Amino acid sequence: MKKTIIGIIIAILAGVLLAKLTFDKYEKVDTKNVISYDDEVYMLKFGTYDSVDEMQRSAMDFERYIYIEKEDKVTVYVGIAKTLDNMEKIKKIYDSKNVKTTVETVSINNDEFIQNLNEYEKLLDVTEDANSLLIIENQILSCYEDIMVNYE
């Protein structure tokens, strides 16, 4: 009976020791992202303002827009696309409405949004109708707002 109890205790201690060694080894493993998304996107800039109030008065004509506050300036964007070709499609729509816009490259450090944008980009690639393009753009801006507000 003593031999059995001593054997069980030795087995339990050996199991605990081996488990600790195994788990300690995994804690020291450096992990790397397997999938990395390009975080550069094209944004259609409507304007830059000194205050949020001034920006809101100016952007009242747009159904949806986003703004980014940086260095005491507020910049309004009315479109986001992954490729320059699709951004040019959106820009032409606003040009036809006599809305002055410029295309900027912006870095976005959020893989979830970039994944969603890549899916929307497929729709933008095959769409030529102005109304459909604006609907897709509104969805992209809404997605940006939802994800980035939750991200911060």
N, C-alpha and C. Protein backbone atom coordinates (compact mmCIF):
# COMPACT_ATOMS: atom_id res chain seq x y z
N MET A 1 0.82 -1.19 0.00
CA MET A 1 0.00 0.00 0.00
C MET A 1 0.87 1.26 0.00
N LYS A 2 1.96 1.25 0.81
CA LYS A 2 2.86 2.40 0.84
C LYS A 2 3.49 2.63 -0.53
N LYS A 3 3.87 1.56 -1.19
CA LYS A 3 4.50 1.68 -2.52
C LYS A 3 3.51 2.30 -3.52
N THR A 4 2.26 1.96 -3.43
CA THR A 4 1.24 2.48 -4.34
C THR A 4 1.04 3.98 -4.12
N ILE A 5 0.94 4.40 -2.88
CA ILE A 5 0.74 5.82 -2.55
C ILE A 5 1.96 6.64 -2.98
N ILE A 6 3.15 6.12 -2.70
CA ILE A 6 4.38 6.82 -3.10
C ILE A 6 4.46 6.90 -4.63
N GLY A 7 4.08 5.86 -5.33
CA GLY A 7 4.06 5.86 -6.80
C GLY A 7 3.09 6.89 -7.36
N ILE A 8 1.91 7.00 -6.75
CA ILE A 8 0.90 7.98 -7.19
C ILE A 8 1.41 9.40 -6.95
N ILE A 9 2.00 9.65 -5.80
CA ILE A 9 2.53 10.98 -5.49
C ILE A 9 3.65 11.35 -6.45
N ILE A 10 4.53 10.43 -6.75
CA ILE A 10 5.62 10.69 -7.70
C ILE A 10 5.05 10.97 -9.09
N ALA A 11 4.04 10.22 -9.49
CA ALA A 11 3.41 10.43 -10.80
C ALA A 11 2.75 11.80 -10.88
N ILE A 12 2.07 12.20 -9.83
CA ILE A 12 1.41 13.52 -9.81
C ILE A 12 2.45 14.63 -9.86
N LEU A 13 3.51 14.51 -9.06
CA LEU A 13 4.56 15.53 -9.07
C LEU A 13 5.26 15.61 -10.44
N ALA A 14 5.50 14.48 -11.04
CA ALA A 14 6.12 14.47 -12.37
C ALA A 14 5.18 15.12 -13.39
N GLY A 15 3.90 14.85 -13.29
CA GLY A 15 2.91 15.46 -14.21
C GLY A 15 2.86 16.97 -14.05
N VAL A 16 2.87 17.43 -12.81
CA VAL A 16 2.85 18.88 -12.54
C VAL A 16 4.12 19.53 -13.08
N LEU A 17 5.26 18.91 -12.86
CA LEU A 17 6.53 19.45 -13.33
C LEU A 17 6.57 19.52 -14.85
N LEU A 18 6.16 18.45 -15.51
CA LEU A 18 6.15 18.44 -16.99
C LEU A 18 5.15 19.46 -17.55
N ALA A 19 4.00 19.60 -16.93
CA ALA A 19 3.01 20.58 -17.37
C ALA A 19 3.55 22.00 -17.23
N LYS A 20 4.20 22.28 -16.10
CA LYS A 20 4.77 23.62 -15.90
C LYS A 20 5.84 23.92 -16.94
N LEU A 21 6.72 22.97 -17.20
CA LEU A 21 7.75 23.17 -18.22
C LEU A 21 7.14 23.41 -19.60
N THR A 22 6.11 22.66 -19.93
CA THR A 22 5.46 22.81 -21.23
C THR A 22 4.80 24.18 -21.36
N PHE A 23 4.04 24.59 -20.36
CA PHE A 23 3.34 25.88 -20.44
C PHE A 23 4.31 27.06 -20.39
N ASP A 24 5.38 26.94 -19.62
CA ASP A 24 6.39 28.01 -19.61
C ASP A 24 7.02 28.18 -20.98
N LYS A 25 7.22 27.09 -21.67
CA LYS A 25 7.81 27.14 -23.01
C LYS A 25 6.90 27.91 -23.97
N TYR A 26 5.57 27.72 -23.88
CA TYR A 26 4.64 28.40 -24.76
C TYR A 26 4.52 29.88 -24.45
N GLU A 27 4.69 30.28 -23.22
CA GLU A 27 4.62 31.70 -22.87
C GLU A 27 5.76 32.48 -23.49
N LYS A 28 6.88 31.84 -23.75
CA LYS A 28 8.06 32.52 -24.28
C LYS A 28 8.09 32.55 -25.80
N VAL A 29 7.09 31.96 -26.48
CA VAL A 29 7.06 31.91 -27.93
C VAL A 29 6.64 33.28 -28.47
N ASP A 30 7.42 33.81 -29.41
CA ASP A 30 7.06 35.06 -30.07
C ASP A 30 6.08 34.75 -31.19
N THR A 31 4.96 35.48 -31.21
CA THR A 31 3.98 35.27 -32.27
C THR A 31 4.09 36.38 -33.30
N LYS A 32 3.75 36.03 -34.52
CA LYS A 32 3.75 37.00 -35.61
C LYS A 32 2.43 36.89 -36.34
N ASN A 33 1.96 38.04 -36.87
CA ASN A 33 0.73 38.02 -37.65
C ASN A 33 0.94 37.21 -38.92
N VAL A 34 0.01 36.32 -39.19
CA VAL A 34 0.09 35.52 -40.40
C VAL A 34 -0.43 36.34 -41.58
N ILE A 35 -1.50 37.09 -41.34
CA ILE A 35 -2.09 37.92 -42.39
C ILE A 35 -1.91 39.38 -41.99
N SER A 36 -1.32 40.13 -42.88
CA SER A 36 -1.15 41.56 -42.63
C SER A 36 -1.77 42.31 -43.80
N TYR A 37 -2.61 43.25 -43.50
CA TYR A 37 -3.31 44.00 -44.55
C TYR A 37 -2.61 45.32 -44.78
N ASP A 38 -2.61 45.73 -46.03
CA ASP A 38 -2.05 47.03 -46.39
C ASP A 38 -2.98 48.08 -45.82
N ASP A 39 -2.43 48.99 -45.05
CA ASP A 39 -3.27 49.96 -44.35
C ASP A 39 -3.39 51.30 -45.07
N GLU A 40 -2.91 51.40 -46.27
CA GLU A 40 -3.04 52.63 -47.05
C GLU A 40 -4.34 52.60 -47.84
N VAL A 41 -5.17 53.62 -47.66
CA VAL A 41 -6.42 53.74 -48.42
C VAL A 41 -6.50 55.14 -49.01
N TYR A 42 -7.36 55.27 -50.00
CA TYR A 42 -7.61 56.59 -50.60
C TYR A 42 -8.87 57.15 -49.99
N MET A 43 -8.79 58.41 -49.58
CA MET A 43 -9.96 59.08 -49.02
C MET A 43 -10.23 60.34 -49.82
N LEU A 44 -11.50 60.62 -50.02
CA LEU A 44 -11.92 61.79 -50.76
C LEU A 44 -12.19 62.92 -49.78
N LYS A 45 -11.28 63.88 -49.76
CA LYS A 45 -11.35 64.98 -48.79
C LYS A 45 -12.22 66.11 -49.33
N PHE A 46 -13.14 66.54 -48.47
CA PHE A 46 -14.01 67.66 -48.82
C PHE A 46 -13.42 68.98 -48.34
N GLY A 47 -12.82 68.97 -47.16
CA GLY A 47 -12.23 70.20 -46.65
C GLY A 47 -11.65 70.03 -45.27
N THR A 48 -10.92 71.05 -44.84
CA THR A 48 -10.32 71.08 -43.51
C THR A 48 -10.80 72.34 -42.80
N TYR A 49 -11.18 72.20 -41.53
CA TYR A 49 -11.78 73.30 -40.79
C TYR A 49 -11.10 73.46 -39.45
N ASP A 50 -11.34 74.61 -38.83
CA ASP A 50 -10.74 74.91 -37.54
C ASP A 50 -11.53 74.33 -36.37
N SER A 51 -12.83 74.07 -36.57
CA SER A 51 -13.64 73.56 -35.47
C SER A 51 -14.68 72.57 -36.00
N VAL A 52 -15.21 71.78 -35.10
CA VAL A 52 -16.23 70.80 -35.47
C VAL A 52 -17.51 71.52 -35.89
N ASP A 53 -17.86 72.62 -35.22
CA ASP A 53 -19.07 73.38 -35.58
C ASP A 53 -18.97 73.91 -37.01
N GLU A 54 -17.85 74.48 -37.34
CA GLU A 54 -17.63 75.01 -38.70
C GLU A 54 -17.73 73.86 -39.71
N MET A 55 -17.14 72.72 -39.40
CA MET A 55 -17.18 71.56 -40.29
C MET A 55 -18.61 71.08 -40.48
N GLN A 56 -19.39 71.00 -39.41
CA GLN A 56 -20.76 70.51 -39.51
C GLN A 56 -21.63 71.43 -40.36
N ARG A 57 -21.43 72.72 -40.24
CA ARG A 57 -22.19 73.67 -41.08
C ARG A 57 -21.84 73.48 -42.55
N SER A 58 -20.60 73.22 -42.84
CA SER A 58 -20.14 73.09 -44.21
C SER A 58 -20.55 71.77 -44.85
N ALA A 59 -20.64 70.72 -44.04
CA ALA A 59 -20.90 69.38 -44.58
C ALA A 59 -22.37 68.97 -44.49
N MET A 60 -23.26 69.93 -44.28
CA MET A 60 -24.68 69.62 -44.13
C MET A 60 -25.29 68.99 -45.38
N ASP A 61 -24.74 69.25 -46.55
CA ASP A 61 -25.32 68.76 -47.80
C ASP A 61 -25.05 67.27 -48.05
N PHE A 62 -24.16 66.68 -47.29
CA PHE A 62 -23.80 65.28 -47.50
C PHE A 62 -24.64 64.37 -46.63
N GLU A 63 -25.09 63.27 -47.24
CA GLU A 63 -25.87 62.29 -46.50
C GLU A 63 -25.01 61.63 -45.42
N ARG A 64 -23.78 61.29 -45.77
CA ARG A 64 -22.87 60.67 -44.81
C ARG A 64 -21.46 61.16 -45.09
N TYR A 65 -20.74 61.38 -44.03
CA TYR A 65 -19.34 61.78 -44.11
C TYR A 65 -18.67 61.36 -42.81
N ILE A 66 -17.36 61.35 -42.84
CA ILE A 66 -16.60 61.13 -41.62
C ILE A 66 -15.65 62.30 -41.44
N TYR A 67 -15.19 62.49 -40.24
CA TYR A 67 -14.19 63.53 -40.03
C TYR A 67 -13.13 63.02 -39.07
N ILE A 68 -11.94 63.54 -39.27
CA ILE A 68 -10.80 63.17 -38.44
C ILE A 68 -10.22 64.44 -37.86
N GLU A 69 -10.10 64.46 -36.53
CA GLU A 69 -9.50 65.61 -35.85
C GLU A 69 -8.03 65.34 -35.64
N LYS A 70 -7.20 66.26 -36.13
CA LYS A 70 -5.76 66.11 -35.98
C LYS A 70 -5.13 67.49 -35.91
N GLU A 71 -4.31 67.70 -34.90
CA GLU A 71 -3.56 68.95 -34.75
C GLU A 71 -4.47 70.18 -34.81
N ASP A 72 -5.55 70.17 -34.02
CA ASP A 72 -6.50 71.28 -33.93
C ASP A 72 -7.19 71.60 -35.25
N LYS A 73 -7.20 70.67 -36.17
CA LYS A 73 -7.91 70.81 -37.44
C LYS A 73 -8.88 69.65 -37.59
N VAL A 74 -9.97 69.90 -38.28
CA VAL A 74 -10.97 68.87 -38.53
C VAL A 74 -11.07 68.70 -40.04
N THR A 75 -10.78 67.48 -40.52
CA THR A 75 -10.81 67.19 -41.95
C THR A 75 -12.01 66.31 -42.24
N VAL A 76 -12.79 66.69 -43.26
CA VAL A 76 -14.00 65.97 -43.65
C VAL A 76 -13.70 65.12 -44.88
N TYR A 77 -14.11 63.84 -44.81
CA TYR A 77 -13.96 62.92 -45.93
C TYR A 77 -15.33 62.40 -46.33
N VAL A 78 -15.57 62.32 -47.64
CA VAL A 78 -16.86 61.87 -48.14
C VAL A 78 -16.75 60.55 -48.91
N GLY A 79 -15.56 59.98 -48.97
CA GLY A 79 -15.39 58.71 -49.66
C GLY A 79 -14.12 58.01 -49.23
N ILE A 80 -14.17 56.67 -49.29
CA ILE A 80 -13.01 55.84 -48.98
C ILE A 80 -12.97 54.71 -50.00
N ALA A 81 -11.78 54.44 -50.53
CA ALA A 81 -11.62 53.32 -51.46
C ALA A 81 -10.21 52.76 -51.32
N LYS A 82 -10.06 51.52 -51.72
CA LYS A 82 -8.76 50.86 -51.62
C LYS A 82 -7.92 51.13 -52.87
N THR A 83 -8.57 51.29 -54.03
CA THR A 83 -7.82 51.53 -55.26
C THR A 83 -8.10 52.93 -55.78
N LEU A 84 -7.12 53.45 -56.47
CA LEU A 84 -7.26 54.80 -57.03
C LEU A 84 -8.34 54.84 -58.11
N ASP A 85 -8.49 53.77 -58.88
CA ASP A 85 -9.52 53.73 -59.93
C ASP A 85 -10.92 53.92 -59.34
N ASN A 86 -11.20 53.22 -58.26
CA ASN A 86 -12.51 53.35 -57.64
C ASN A 86 -12.69 54.71 -56.99
N MET A 87 -11.62 55.27 -56.45
CA MET A 87 -11.72 56.60 -55.87
C MET A 87 -12.00 57.63 -56.95
N GLU A 88 -11.41 57.43 -58.12
CA GLU A 88 -11.67 58.35 -59.24
C GLU A 88 -13.13 58.29 -59.68
N LYS A 89 -13.75 57.11 -59.63
CA LYS A 89 -15.18 56.99 -59.95
C LYS A 89 -16.01 57.87 -59.00
N ILE A 90 -15.69 57.78 -57.73
CA ILE A 90 -16.44 58.55 -56.73
C ILE A 90 -16.17 60.05 -56.91
N LYS A 91 -14.93 60.40 -57.17
CA LYS A 91 -14.56 61.80 -57.36
C LYS A 91 -15.32 62.40 -58.55
N LYS A 92 -15.46 61.64 -59.63
CA LYS A 92 -16.19 62.13 -60.82
C LYS A 92 -17.64 62.46 -60.49
N ILE A 93 -18.24 61.67 -59.61
CA ILE A 93 -19.63 61.94 -59.22
C ILE A 93 -19.72 63.28 -58.51
N TYR A 94 -18.81 63.53 -57.58
CA TYR A 94 -18.83 64.81 -56.87
C TYR A 94 -18.43 65.96 -57.78
N ASP A 95 -17.51 65.72 -58.71
CA ASP A 95 -17.15 66.76 -59.68
C ASP A 95 -18.35 67.16 -60.53
N SER A 96 -19.17 66.18 -60.92
CA SER A 96 -20.35 66.47 -61.73
C SER A 96 -21.38 67.28 -60.95
N LYS A 97 -21.31 67.23 -59.61
CA LYS A 97 -22.21 68.01 -58.75
C LYS A 97 -21.57 69.33 -58.34
N ASN A 98 -20.42 69.66 -58.94
CA ASN A 98 -19.67 70.88 -58.64
C ASN A 98 -19.23 70.95 -57.17
N VAL A 99 -18.87 69.80 -56.62
CA VAL A 99 -18.34 69.73 -55.27
C VAL A 99 -16.84 69.53 -55.39
N LYS A 100 -16.09 70.48 -54.86
CA LYS A 100 -14.64 70.41 -54.96
C LYS A 100 -14.09 69.45 -53.91
N THR A 101 -13.40 68.41 -54.38
CA THR A 101 -12.80 67.41 -53.50
C THR A 101 -11.39 67.11 -53.97
N THR A 102 -10.61 66.53 -53.06
CA THR A 102 -9.26 66.08 -53.42
C THR A 102 -9.05 64.67 -52.86
N VAL A 103 -8.21 63.91 -53.53
CA VAL A 103 -7.91 62.54 -53.12
C VAL A 103 -6.64 62.56 -52.27
N GLU A 104 -6.72 61.92 -51.10
CA GLU A 104 -5.57 61.81 -50.21
C GLU A 104 -5.33 60.35 -49.87
N THR A 105 -4.08 60.02 -49.60
CA THR A 105 -3.73 58.70 -49.09
C THR A 105 -3.65 58.79 -47.57
N VAL A 106 -4.37 57.88 -46.90
CA VAL A 106 -4.44 57.89 -45.44
C VAL A 106 -4.12 56.49 -44.93
N SER A 107 -3.38 56.42 -43.84
CA SER A 107 -3.08 55.14 -43.20
C SER A 107 -4.15 54.82 -42.16
N ILE A 108 -4.67 53.60 -42.23
CA ILE A 108 -5.65 53.14 -41.26
C ILE A 108 -5.11 51.87 -40.64
N ASN A 109 -4.94 51.88 -39.34
CA ASN A 109 -4.35 50.75 -38.65
C ASN A 109 -5.45 49.93 -37.98
N ASN A 110 -6.31 49.31 -38.80
CA ASN A 110 -7.38 48.48 -38.27
C ASN A 110 -7.68 47.39 -39.30
N ASP A 111 -7.23 46.17 -39.04
CA ASP A 111 -7.39 45.08 -39.99
C ASP A 111 -8.85 44.74 -40.26
N GLU A 112 -9.70 44.88 -39.25
CA GLU A 112 -11.12 44.57 -39.45
C GLU A 112 -11.73 45.50 -40.50
N PHE A 113 -11.44 46.80 -40.40
CA PHE A 113 -11.98 47.72 -41.38
C PHE A 113 -11.40 47.45 -42.77
N ILE A 114 -10.10 47.18 -42.85
CA ILE A 114 -9.46 46.93 -44.14
C ILE A 114 -10.07 45.69 -44.79
N GLN A 115 -10.36 44.66 -44.01
CA GLN A 115 -11.02 43.46 -44.55
C GLN A 115 -12.38 43.82 -45.13
N ASN A 116 -13.17 44.59 -44.38
CA ASN A 116 -14.48 45.01 -44.87
C ASN A 116 -14.35 45.86 -46.12
N LEU A 117 -13.39 46.76 -46.13
CA LEU A 117 -13.19 47.62 -47.30
C LEU A 117 -12.82 46.80 -48.52
N ASN A 118 -12.03 45.76 -48.35
CA ASN A 118 -11.69 44.89 -49.48
C ASN A 118 -12.93 44.23 -50.07
N GLU A 119 -13.89 43.88 -49.22
CA GLU A 119 -15.13 43.29 -49.73
C GLU A 119 -15.98 44.34 -50.46
N TYR A 120 -16.08 45.53 -49.89
CA TYR A 120 -16.82 46.60 -50.58
C TYR A 120 -16.14 46.98 -51.90
N GLU A 121 -14.85 46.86 -51.92
CA GLU A 121 -14.08 47.22 -53.12
C GLU A 121 -14.50 46.35 -54.31
N LYS A 122 -14.85 45.11 -54.04
CA LYS A 122 -15.32 44.22 -55.11
C LYS A 122 -16.60 44.77 -55.74
N LEU A 123 -17.47 45.33 -54.92
CA LEU A 123 -18.70 45.93 -55.43
C LEU A 123 -18.39 47.20 -56.22
N LEU A 124 -17.48 48.01 -55.71
CA LEU A 124 -17.12 49.24 -56.42
C LEU A 124 -16.50 48.93 -57.78
N ASP A 125 -15.74 47.84 -57.87
CA ASP A 125 -15.10 47.46 -59.14
C ASP A 125 -16.11 47.22 -60.25
N VAL A 126 -17.22 46.60 -59.92
CA VAL A 126 -18.18 46.19 -60.96
C VAL A 126 -19.32 47.19 -61.15
N THR A 127 -19.39 48.22 -60.34
CA THR A 127 -20.49 49.17 -60.41
C THR A 127 -20.07 50.42 -61.16
N GLU A 128 -20.94 50.88 -62.05
CA GLU A 128 -20.70 52.12 -62.79
C GLU A 128 -21.78 53.17 -62.54
N ASP A 129 -22.93 52.76 -62.03
CA ASP A 129 -24.06 53.66 -61.78
C ASP A 129 -23.74 54.59 -60.61
N ALA A 130 -23.94 55.88 -60.81
CA ALA A 130 -23.59 56.88 -59.79
C ALA A 130 -24.35 56.68 -58.49
N ASN A 131 -25.64 56.43 -58.57
CA ASN A 131 -26.42 56.22 -57.34
C ASN A 131 -25.95 55.00 -56.57
N SER A 132 -25.67 53.93 -57.29
CA SER A 132 -25.18 52.71 -56.64
C SER A 132 -23.82 52.94 -56.00
N LEU A 133 -22.96 53.66 -56.68
CA LEU A 133 -21.65 53.97 -56.12
C LEU A 133 -21.77 54.76 -54.83
N LEU A 134 -22.68 55.74 -54.82
CA LEU A 134 -22.87 56.54 -53.60
C LEU A 134 -23.46 55.72 -52.46
N ILE A 135 -24.34 54.78 -52.79
CA ILE A 135 -24.91 53.90 -51.74
C ILE A 135 -23.81 53.04 -51.14
N ILE A 136 -22.96 52.48 -51.99
CA ILE A 136 -21.84 51.66 -51.49
C ILE A 136 -20.91 52.51 -50.65
N GLU A 137 -20.62 53.72 -51.11
CA GLU A 137 -19.74 54.63 -50.35
C GLU A 137 -20.34 54.96 -49.00
N ASN A 138 -21.65 55.17 -48.94
CA ASN A 138 -22.30 55.44 -47.65
C ASN A 138 -22.14 54.26 -46.70
N GLN A 139 -22.23 53.05 -47.25
CA GLN A 139 -22.03 51.85 -46.44
C GLN A 139 -20.59 51.77 -45.93
N ILE A 140 -19.63 52.11 -46.78
CA ILE A 140 -18.22 52.09 -46.38
C ILE A 140 -17.98 53.11 -45.27
N LEU A 141 -18.52 54.31 -45.42
CA LEU A 141 -18.35 55.34 -44.40
C LEU A 141 -19.02 54.93 -43.09
N SER A 142 -20.17 54.30 -43.19
CA SER A 142 -20.86 53.82 -42.00
C SER A 142 -20.04 52.73 -41.31
N CYS A 143 -19.48 51.84 -42.10
CA CYS A 143 -18.62 50.78 -41.56
C CYS A 143 -17.41 51.38 -40.87
N TYR A 144 -16.80 52.36 -41.50
CA TYR A 144 -15.63 53.04 -40.90
C TYR A 144 -16.02 53.64 -39.55
N GLU A 145 -17.14 54.32 -39.54
CA GLU A 145 -17.59 54.97 -38.31
C GLU A 145 -17.84 53.94 -37.21
N ASP A 146 -18.54 52.86 -37.54
CA ASP A 146 -18.85 51.83 -36.54
C ASP A 146 -17.58 51.18 -36.00
N ILE A 147 -16.68 50.79 -36.88
CA ILE A 147 -15.49 50.06 -36.44
C ILE A 147 -14.50 50.99 -35.74
N MET A 148 -14.24 52.14 -36.31
CA MET A 148 -13.21 53.01 -35.75
C MET A 148 -13.65 53.66 -34.44
N VAL A 149 -14.92 53.96 -34.29
CA VAL A 149 -15.40 54.53 -33.02
C VAL A 149 -15.29 53.47 -31.93
N ASN A 150 -15.63 52.22 -32.26
CA ASN A 150 -15.50 51.12 -31.28
C ASN A 150 -14.05 50.81 -31.00
N TYR A 151 -13.18 51.00 -32.00
CA TYR A 151 -11.75 50.70 -31.88
C TYR A 151 -11.06 51.66 -30.91
N GLU A 152 -11.46 52.91 -30.94
CA GLU A 152 -10.85 53.92 -30.08
C GLU A 152 -11.42 53.79 -28.72
